[in-house]
Amino acid sequence: MKHLFLLLVVFAVAFWGSVAAYAEAEAACDETEECKPIALFNGEDLDDWHIYLADPEVDPDDVWQVRDGAIWCKGEPFGFLRT
């Protein structure tokens, strides 16, 4: 029973410490530009993306497209996108 009480006390201290640290970090983020989210995809085009294909002769627009606000991939040839 003594060990259970000690475990609960340790858990409570750790929990409240992490809550306080999170609240402090959130308050600091509200004051800086660094913490603002960055939109990676605008839902309209892939202008800010880099497209890499295994076959450089293939037109990337034939493989990667934006339809209904989502990125679609034909799947061939192998490739990837990056921001």
PDB file of N, CA and C in Angstrom:
ATOM      1  N   MET A   1       0.822  -1.185   0.000  1.00  0.00           N
ATOM      2  CA  MET A   1       0.000   0.000   0.000  1.00  0.00           C
ATOM      3  C   MET A   1       0.870   1.255   0.000  1.00  0.00           C
ATOM      4  N   LYS A   2       1.963   1.188   0.763  1.00  0.00           N
ATOM      5  CA  LYS A   2       2.866   2.320   0.841  1.00  0.00           C
ATOM      6  C   LYS A   2       3.481   2.601  -0.537  1.00  0.00           C
ATOM      7  N   HIS A   3       3.812   1.535  -1.259  1.00  0.00           N
ATOM      8  CA  HIS A   3       4.410   1.690  -2.586  1.00  0.00           C
ATOM      9  C   HIS A   3       3.398   2.268  -3.578  1.00  0.00           C
ATOM     10  N   LEU A   4       2.157   1.877  -3.452  1.00  0.00           N
ATOM     11  CA  LEU A   4       1.116   2.403  -4.334  1.00  0.00           C
ATOM     12  C   LEU A   4       0.933   3.897  -4.115  1.00  0.00           C
ATOM     13  N   PHE A   5       0.921   4.310  -2.857  1.00  0.00           N
ATOM     14  CA  PHE A   5       0.790   5.731  -2.551  1.00  0.00           C
ATOM     15  C   PHE A   5       1.976   6.513  -3.113  1.00  0.00           C
ATOM     16  N   LEU A   6       3.175   5.990  -2.954  1.00  0.00           N
ATOM     17  CA  LEU A   6       4.373   6.640  -3.471  1.00  0.00           C
ATOM     18  C   LEU A   6       4.319   6.719  -5.000  1.00  0.00           C
ATOM     19  N   LEU A   7       3.873   5.682  -5.624  1.00  0.00           N
ATOM     20  CA  LEU A   7       3.738   5.663  -7.082  1.00  0.00           C
ATOM     21  C   LEU A   7       2.727   6.713  -7.546  1.00  0.00           C
ATOM     22  N   LEU A   8       1.621   6.839  -6.842  1.00  0.00           N
ATOM     23  CA  LEU A   8       0.620   7.852  -7.183  1.00  0.00           C
ATOM     24  C   LEU A   8       1.162   9.260  -7.014  1.00  0.00           C
ATOM     25  N   VAL A   9       1.930   9.488  -5.974  1.00  0.00           N
ATOM     26  CA  VAL A   9       2.528  10.806  -5.751  1.00  0.00           C
ATOM     27  C   VAL A   9       3.517  11.132  -6.870  1.00  0.00           C
ATOM     28  N   VAL A  10       4.356  10.194  -7.234  1.00  0.00           N
ATOM     29  CA  VAL A  10       5.329  10.406  -8.312  1.00  0.00           C
ATOM     30  C   VAL A  10       4.592  10.686  -9.619  1.00  0.00           C
ATOM     31  N   PHE A  11       3.555   9.916  -9.895  1.00  0.00           N
ATOM     32  CA  PHE A  11       2.779  10.125 -11.115  1.00  0.00           C
ATOM     33  C   PHE A  11       2.136  11.515 -11.120  1.00  0.00           C
ATOM     34  N   ALA A  12       1.563  11.924 -10.012  1.00  0.00           N
ATOM     35  CA  ALA A  12       0.902  13.233  -9.935  1.00  0.00           C
ATOM     36  C   ALA A  12       1.904  14.362 -10.151  1.00  0.00           C
ATOM     37  N   VAL A  13       3.069  14.262  -9.546  1.00  0.00           N
ATOM     38  CA  VAL A  13       4.097  15.299  -9.714  1.00  0.00           C
ATOM     39  C   VAL A  13       4.551  15.352 -11.169  1.00  0.00           C
ATOM     40  N   ALA A  14       4.792  14.190 -11.770  1.00  0.00           N
ATOM     41  CA  ALA A  14       5.222  14.159 -13.168  1.00  0.00           C
ATOM     42  C   ALA A  14       4.133  14.705 -14.085  1.00  0.00           C
ATOM     43  N   PHE A  15       2.894  14.337 -13.808  1.00  0.00           N
ATOM     44  CA  PHE A  15       1.782  14.790 -14.641  1.00  0.00           C
ATOM     45  C   PHE A  15       1.644  16.311 -14.572  1.00  0.00           C
ATOM     46  N   TRP A  16       1.604  16.863 -13.370  1.00  0.00           N
ATOM     47  CA  TRP A  16       1.440  18.309 -13.233  1.00  0.00           C
ATOM     48  C   TRP A  16       2.649  19.064 -13.762  1.00  0.00           C
ATOM     49  N   GLY A  17       3.820  18.483 -13.638  1.00  0.00           N
ATOM     50  CA  GLY A  17       5.016  19.107 -14.196  1.00  0.00           C
ATOM     51  C   GLY A  17       4.953  19.172 -15.714  1.00  0.00           C
ATOM     52  N   SER A  18       4.475  18.096 -16.337  1.00  0.00           N
ATOM     53  CA  SER A  18       4.367  18.098 -17.804  1.00  0.00           C
ATOM     54  C   SER A  18       3.260  19.033 -18.268  1.00  0.00           C
ATOM     55  N   VAL A  19       2.175  19.134 -17.519  1.00  0.00           N
ATOM     56  CA  VAL A  19       1.097  20.064 -17.870  1.00  0.00           C
ATOM     57  C   VAL A  19       1.606  21.501 -17.785  1.00  0.00           C
ATOM     58  N   ALA A  20       2.352  21.811 -16.756  1.00  0.00           N
ATOM     59  CA  ALA A  20       2.892  23.164 -16.604  1.00  0.00           C
ATOM     60  C   ALA A  20       3.890  23.478 -17.707  1.00  0.00           C
ATOM     61  N   ALA A  21       4.740  22.518 -18.060  1.00  0.00           N
ATOM     62  CA  ALA A  21       5.721  22.734 -19.138  1.00  0.00           C
ATOM     63  C   ALA A  21       5.016  22.932 -20.474  1.00  0.00           C
ATOM     64  N   TYR A  22       3.954  22.164 -20.716  1.00  0.00           N
ATOM     65  CA  TYR A  22       3.192  22.310 -21.955  1.00  0.00           C
ATOM     66  C   TYR A  22       2.536  23.685 -22.026  1.00  0.00           C
ATOM     67  N   ALA A  23       1.934  24.111 -20.945  1.00  0.00           N
ATOM     68  CA  ALA A  23       1.273  25.420 -20.909  1.00  0.00           C
ATOM     69  C   ALA A  23       2.291  26.534 -21.139  1.00  0.00           C
ATOM     70  N   GLU A  24       3.473  26.406 -20.551  1.00  0.00           N
ATOM     71  CA  GLU A  24       4.519  27.410 -20.745  1.00  0.00           C
ATOM     72  C   GLU A  24       4.982  27.449 -22.202  1.00  0.00           C
ATOM     73  N   ALA A  25       5.138  26.280 -22.814  1.00  0.00           N
ATOM     74  CA  ALA A  25       5.552  26.214 -24.222  1.00  0.00           C
ATOM     75  C   ALA A  25       4.477  26.799 -25.123  1.00  0.00           C
ATOM     76  N   GLU A  26       3.227  26.531 -24.832  1.00  0.00           N
ATOM     77  CA  GLU A  26       2.125  27.086 -25.619  1.00  0.00           C
ATOM     78  C   GLU A  26       2.100  28.603 -25.517  1.00  0.00           C
ATOM     79  N   ALA A  27       2.309  29.139 -24.333  1.00  0.00           N
ATOM     80  CA  ALA A  27       2.305  30.585 -24.144  1.00  0.00           C
ATOM     81  C   ALA A  27       3.456  31.215 -24.913  1.00  0.00           C
ATOM     82  N   ALA A  28       4.618  30.568 -24.923  1.00  0.00           N
ATOM     83  CA  ALA A  28       5.766  31.093 -25.657  1.00  0.00           C
ATOM     84  C   ALA A  28       5.509  31.038 -27.161  1.00  0.00           C
ATOM     85  N   CYS A  29       4.826  29.997 -27.630  1.00  0.00           N
ATOM     86  CA  CYS A  29       4.541  29.857 -29.051  1.00  0.00           C
ATOM     87  C   CYS A  29       3.571  30.923 -29.529  1.00  0.00           C
ATOM     88  N   ASP A  30       2.665  31.339 -28.713  1.00  0.00           N
ATOM     89  CA  ASP A  30       1.703  32.356 -29.114  1.00  0.00           C
ATOM     90  C   ASP A  30       2.380  33.690 -29.409  1.00  0.00           C
ATOM     91  N   GLU A  31       3.578  33.865 -28.871  1.00  0.00           N
ATOM     92  CA  GLU A  31       4.263  35.135 -29.002  1.00  0.00           C
ATOM     93  C   GLU A  31       5.281  35.168 -30.135  1.00  0.00           C
ATOM     94  N   THR A  32       5.574  34.037 -30.802  1.00  0.00           N
ATOM     95  CA  THR A  32       6.618  34.009 -31.813  1.00  0.00           C
ATOM     96  C   THR A  32       6.074  33.553 -33.160  1.00  0.00           C
ATOM     97  N   GLU A  33       6.772  33.938 -34.210  1.00  0.00           N
ATOM     98  CA  GLU A  33       6.419  33.519 -35.574  1.00  0.00           C
ATOM     99  C   GLU A  33       6.801  32.062 -35.801  1.00  0.00           C
ATOM    100  N   GLU A  34       7.833  31.581 -35.108  1.00  0.00           N
ATOM    101  CA  GLU A  34       8.364  30.236 -35.333  1.00  0.00           C
ATOM    102  C   GLU A  34       7.343  29.145 -35.081  1.00  0.00           C
ATOM    103  N   CYS A  35       6.378  29.373 -34.240  1.00  0.00           N
ATOM    104  CA  CYS A  35       5.441  28.341 -33.843  1.00  0.00           C
ATOM    105  C   CYS A  35       4.187  28.287 -34.707  1.00  0.00           C
ATOM    106  N   LYS A  36       4.052  29.181 -35.651  1.00  0.00           N
ATOM    107  CA  LYS A  36       2.856  29.186 -36.481  1.00  0.00           C
ATOM    108  C   LYS A  36       2.902  28.029 -37.470  1.00  0.00           C
ATOM    109  N   PRO A  37       1.775  27.374 -37.726  1.00  0.00           N
ATOM    110  CA  PRO A  37       1.759  26.246 -38.649  1.00  0.00           C
ATOM    111  C   PRO A  37       2.073  26.687 -40.077  1.00  0.00           C
ATOM    112  N   ILE A  38       2.655  25.772 -40.830  1.00  0.00           N
ATOM    113  CA  ILE A  38       2.986  26.015 -42.227  1.00  0.00           C
ATOM    114  C   ILE A  38       2.111  25.097 -43.071  1.00  0.00           C
ATOM    115  N   ALA A  39       1.354  25.670 -44.002  1.00  0.00           N
ATOM    116  CA  ALA A  39       0.527  24.859 -44.902  1.00  0.00           C
ATOM    117  C   ALA A  39       1.441  24.261 -45.963  1.00  0.00           C
ATOM    118  N   LEU A  40       1.502  22.935 -46.023  1.00  0.00           N
ATOM    119  CA  LEU A  40       2.355  22.274 -47.002  1.00  0.00           C
ATOM    120  C   LEU A  40       1.655  22.085 -48.339  1.00  0.00           C
ATOM    121  N   PHE A  41       0.337  21.995 -48.321  1.00  0.00           N
ATOM    122  CA  PHE A  41      -0.418  21.741 -49.542  1.00  0.00           C
ATOM    123  C   PHE A  41      -1.580  22.717 -49.607  1.00  0.00           C
ATOM    124  N   ASN A  42      -1.681  23.422 -50.730  1.00  0.00           N
ATOM    125  CA  ASN A  42      -2.735  24.426 -50.856  1.00  0.00           C
ATOM    126  C   ASN A  42      -4.043  23.866 -51.412  1.00  0.00           C
ATOM    127  N   GLY A  43      -4.067  22.595 -51.803  1.00  0.00           N
ATOM    128  CA  GLY A  43      -5.286  21.965 -52.297  1.00  0.00           C
ATOM    129  C   GLY A  43      -5.602  22.284 -53.739  1.00  0.00           C
ATOM    130  N   GLU A  44      -4.723  23.030 -54.415  1.00  0.00           N
ATOM    131  CA  GLU A  44      -4.990  23.437 -55.785  1.00  0.00           C
ATOM    132  C   GLU A  44      -3.940  22.965 -56.781  1.00  0.00           C
ATOM    133  N   ASP A  45      -2.670  23.005 -56.390  1.00  0.00           N
ATOM    134  CA  ASP A  45      -1.614  22.627 -57.324  1.00  0.00           C
ATOM    135  C   ASP A  45      -0.384  22.139 -56.563  1.00  0.00           C
ATOM    136  N   LEU A  46       0.625  21.714 -57.307  1.00  0.00           N
ATOM    137  CA  LEU A  46       1.858  21.207 -56.699  1.00  0.00           C
ATOM    138  C   LEU A  46       3.027  22.156 -56.965  1.00  0.00           C
ATOM    139  N   ASP A  47       2.745  23.448 -57.075  1.00  0.00           N
ATOM    140  CA  ASP A  47       3.767  24.436 -57.429  1.00  0.00           C
ATOM    141  C   ASP A  47       4.930  24.492 -56.444  1.00  0.00           C
ATOM    142  N   ASP A  48       4.684  24.331 -55.170  1.00  0.00           N
ATOM    143  CA  ASP A  48       5.757  24.428 -54.171  1.00  0.00           C
ATOM    144  C   ASP A  48       6.364  23.079 -53.814  1.00  0.00           C
ATOM    145  N   TRP A  49       6.064  22.054 -54.601  1.00  0.00           N
ATOM    146  CA  TRP A  49       6.562  20.705 -54.364  1.00  0.00           C
ATOM    147  C   TRP A  49       7.636  20.369 -55.387  1.00  0.00           C
ATOM    148  N   HIS A  50       8.549  19.483 -54.998  1.00  0.00           N
ATOM    149  CA  HIS A  50       9.572  18.959 -55.909  1.00  0.00           C
ATOM    150  C   HIS A  50       9.173  17.536 -56.250  1.00  0.00           C
ATOM    151  N   ILE A  51       9.147  17.232 -57.538  1.00  0.00           N
ATOM    152  CA  ILE A  51       8.723  15.907 -58.002  1.00  0.00           C
ATOM    153  C   ILE A  51       9.941  15.162 -58.543  1.00  0.00           C
ATOM    154  N   TYR A  52      10.133  13.936 -58.086  1.00  0.00           N
ATOM    155  CA  TYR A  52      11.221  13.086 -58.541  1.00  0.00           C
ATOM    156  C   TYR A  52      10.623  11.807 -59.107  1.00  0.00           C
ATOM    157  N   LEU A  53      11.035  11.440 -60.308  1.00  0.00           N
ATOM    158  CA  LEU A  53      10.568  10.219 -60.943  1.00  0.00           C
ATOM    159  C   LEU A  53      11.769   9.369 -61.347  1.00  0.00           C
ATOM    160  N   ALA A  54      11.601   8.044 -61.290  1.00  0.00           N
ATOM    161  CA  ALA A  54      12.668   7.132 -61.676  1.00  0.00           C
ATOM    162  C   ALA A  54      12.999   7.294 -63.156  1.00  0.00           C
ATOM    163  N   ASP A  55      12.012   7.612 -63.967  1.00  0.00           N
ATOM    164  CA  ASP A  55      12.213   7.837 -65.400  1.00  0.00           C
ATOM    165  C   ASP A  55      12.072   9.334 -65.672  1.00  0.00           C
ATOM    166  N   PRO A  56      13.182  10.037 -65.840  1.00  0.00           N
ATOM    167  CA  PRO A  56      13.111  11.485 -66.016  1.00  0.00           C
ATOM    168  C   PRO A  56      12.468  11.910 -67.339  1.00  0.00           C
ATOM    169  N   GLU A  57      12.260  10.977 -68.253  1.00  0.00           N
ATOM    170  CA  GLU A  57      11.636  11.287 -69.540  1.00  0.00           C
ATOM    171  C   GLU A  57      10.121  11.452 -69.427  1.00  0.00           C
ATOM    172  N   VAL A  58       9.536  10.938 -68.340  1.00  0.00           N
ATOM    173  CA  VAL A  58       8.081  10.989 -68.143  1.00  0.00           C
ATOM    174  C   VAL A  58       7.690  12.362 -67.605  1.00  0.00           C
ATOM    175  N   ASP A  59       6.613  12.905 -68.133  1.00  0.00           N
ATOM    176  CA  ASP A  59       6.094  14.195 -67.666  1.00  0.00           C
ATOM    177  C   ASP A  59       5.487  14.012 -66.271  1.00  0.00           C
ATOM    178  N   PRO A  60       5.964  14.756 -65.271  1.00  0.00           N
ATOM    179  CA  PRO A  60       5.433  14.618 -63.908  1.00  0.00           C
ATOM    180  C   PRO A  60       3.921  14.844 -63.833  1.00  0.00           C
ATOM    181  N   ASP A  61       3.367  15.674 -64.718  1.00  0.00           N
ATOM    182  CA  ASP A  61       1.922  15.918 -64.699  1.00  0.00           C
ATOM    183  C   ASP A  61       1.130  14.688 -65.112  1.00  0.00           C
ATOM    184  N   ASP A  62       1.784  13.728 -65.775  1.00  0.00           N
ATOM    185  CA  ASP A  62       1.115  12.476 -66.118  1.00  0.00           C
ATOM    186  C   ASP A  62       1.075  11.514 -64.940  1.00  0.00           C
ATOM    187  N   VAL A  63       1.919  11.749 -63.947  1.00  0.00           N
ATOM    188  CA  VAL A  63       1.996  10.854 -62.782  1.00  0.00           C
ATOM    189  C   VAL A  63       1.306  11.466 -61.568  1.00  0.00           C
ATOM    190  N   TRP A  64       1.567  12.738 -61.291  1.00  0.00           N
ATOM    191  CA  TRP A  64       1.044  13.423 -60.113  1.00  0.00           C
ATOM    192  C   TRP A  64       0.027  14.471 -60.527  1.00  0.00           C
ATOM    193  N   GLN A  65      -1.136  14.453 -59.875  1.00  0.00           N
ATOM    194  CA  GLN A  65      -2.204  15.403 -60.176  1.00  0.00           C
ATOM    195  C   GLN A  65      -2.902  15.832 -58.889  1.00  0.00           C
ATOM    196  N   VAL A  66      -3.577  16.957 -58.977  1.00  0.00           N
ATOM    197  CA  VAL A  66      -4.427  17.402 -57.871  1.00  0.00           C
ATOM    198  C   VAL A  66      -5.862  17.313 -58.360  1.00  0.00           C
ATOM    199  N   ARG A  67      -6.663  16.511 -57.661  1.00  0.00           N
ATOM    200  CA  ARG A  67      -8.084  16.353 -58.002  1.00  0.00           C
ATOM    201  C   ARG A  67      -8.911  16.532 -56.742  1.00  0.00           C
ATOM    202  N   ASP A  68      -9.900  17.388 -56.826  1.00  0.00           N
ATOM    203  CA  ASP A  68     -10.824  17.616 -55.704  1.00  0.00           C
ATOM    204  C   ASP A  68     -10.084  17.927 -54.407  1.00  0.00           C
ATOM    205  N   GLY A  69      -8.993  18.685 -54.503  1.00  0.00           N
ATOM    206  CA  GLY A  69      -8.260  19.097 -53.318  1.00  0.00           C
ATOM    207  C   GLY A  69      -7.358  18.041 -52.722  1.00  0.00           C
ATOM    208  N   ALA A  70      -7.139  16.930 -53.443  1.00  0.00           N
ATOM    209  CA  ALA A  70      -6.274  15.863 -52.944  1.00  0.00           C
ATOM    210  C   ALA A  70      -5.189  15.547 -53.965  1.00  0.00           C
ATOM    211  N   ILE A  71      -4.056  15.057 -53.485  1.00  0.00           N
ATOM    212  CA  ILE A  71      -2.962  14.666 -54.366  1.00  0.00           C
ATOM    213  C   ILE A  71      -3.211  13.240 -54.836  1.00  0.00           C
ATOM    214  N   TRP A  72      -3.153  13.057 -56.155  1.00  0.00           N
ATOM    215  CA  TRP A  72      -3.348  11.742 -56.757  1.00  0.00           C
ATOM    216  C   TRP A  72      -2.064  11.321 -57.462  1.00  0.00           C
ATOM    217  N   CYS A  73      -1.723  10.052 -57.337  1.00  0.00           N
ATOM    218  CA  CYS A  73      -0.541   9.510 -57.990  1.00  0.00           C
ATOM    219  C   CYS A  73      -0.945   8.313 -58.836  1.00  0.00           C
ATOM    220  N   LYS A  74      -0.489   8.303 -60.083  1.00  0.00           N
ATOM    221  CA  LYS A  74      -0.756   7.189 -60.992  1.00  0.00           C
ATOM    222  C   LYS A  74      -0.009   5.940 -60.517  1.00  0.00           C
ATOM    223  N   GLY A  75       1.179   6.137 -59.942  1.00  0.00           N
ATOM    224  CA  GLY A  75       1.930   5.009 -59.389  1.00  0.00           C
ATOM    225  C   GLY A  75       3.061   4.507 -60.268  1.00  0.00           C
ATOM    226  N   GLU A  76       3.087   4.895 -61.507  1.00  0.00           N
ATOM    227  CA  GLU A  76       4.153   4.469 -62.410  1.00  0.00           C
ATOM    228  C   GLU A  76       4.575   5.633 -63.272  1.00  0.00           C
ATOM    229  N   PRO A  77       5.820   5.860 -63.446  1.00  0.00           N
ATOM    230  CA  PRO A  77       6.968   5.180 -62.843  1.00  0.00           C
ATOM    231  C   PRO A  77       7.129   5.569 -61.376  1.00  0.00           C
ATOM    232  N   PHE A  78       7.987   4.832 -60.715  1.00  0.00           N
ATOM    233  CA  PHE A  78       8.248   5.089 -59.304  1.00  0.00           C
ATOM    234  C   PHE A  78       8.759   6.506 -59.116  1.00  0.00           C
ATOM    235  N   GLY A  79       8.339   7.166 -58.053  1.00  0.00           N
ATOM    236  CA  GLY A  79       8.806   8.515 -57.749  1.00  0.00           C
ATOM    237  C   GLY A  79       8.257   8.974 -56.414  1.00  0.00           C
ATOM    238  N   PHE A  80       8.543  10.227 -56.096  1.00  0.00           N
ATOM    239  CA  PHE A  80       8.043  10.791 -54.845  1.00  0.00           C
ATOM    240  C   PHE A  80       7.966  12.294 -54.937  1.00  0.00           C
ATOM    241  N   LEU A  81       7.233  12.873 -54.003  1.00  0.00           N
ATOM    242  CA  LEU A  81       7.120  14.318 -53.861  1.00  0.00           C
ATOM    243  C   LEU A  81       7.810  14.720 -52.566  1.00  0.00           C
ATOM    244  N   ARG A  82       8.295  15.960 -52.557  1.00  0.00           N
ATOM    245  CA  ARG A  82       8.791  16.508 -51.295  1.00  0.00           C
ATOM    246  C   ARG A  82       8.547  18.001 -51.291  1.00  0.00           C
ATOM    247  N   THR A  83       8.441  18.547 -50.088  1.00  0.00           N
ATOM    248  CA  THR A  83       8.222  19.988 -49.957  1.00  0.00           C
ATOM    249  C   THR A  83       9.547  20.673 -49.798  1.00  0.00           C
TER     250      THR A  83
END
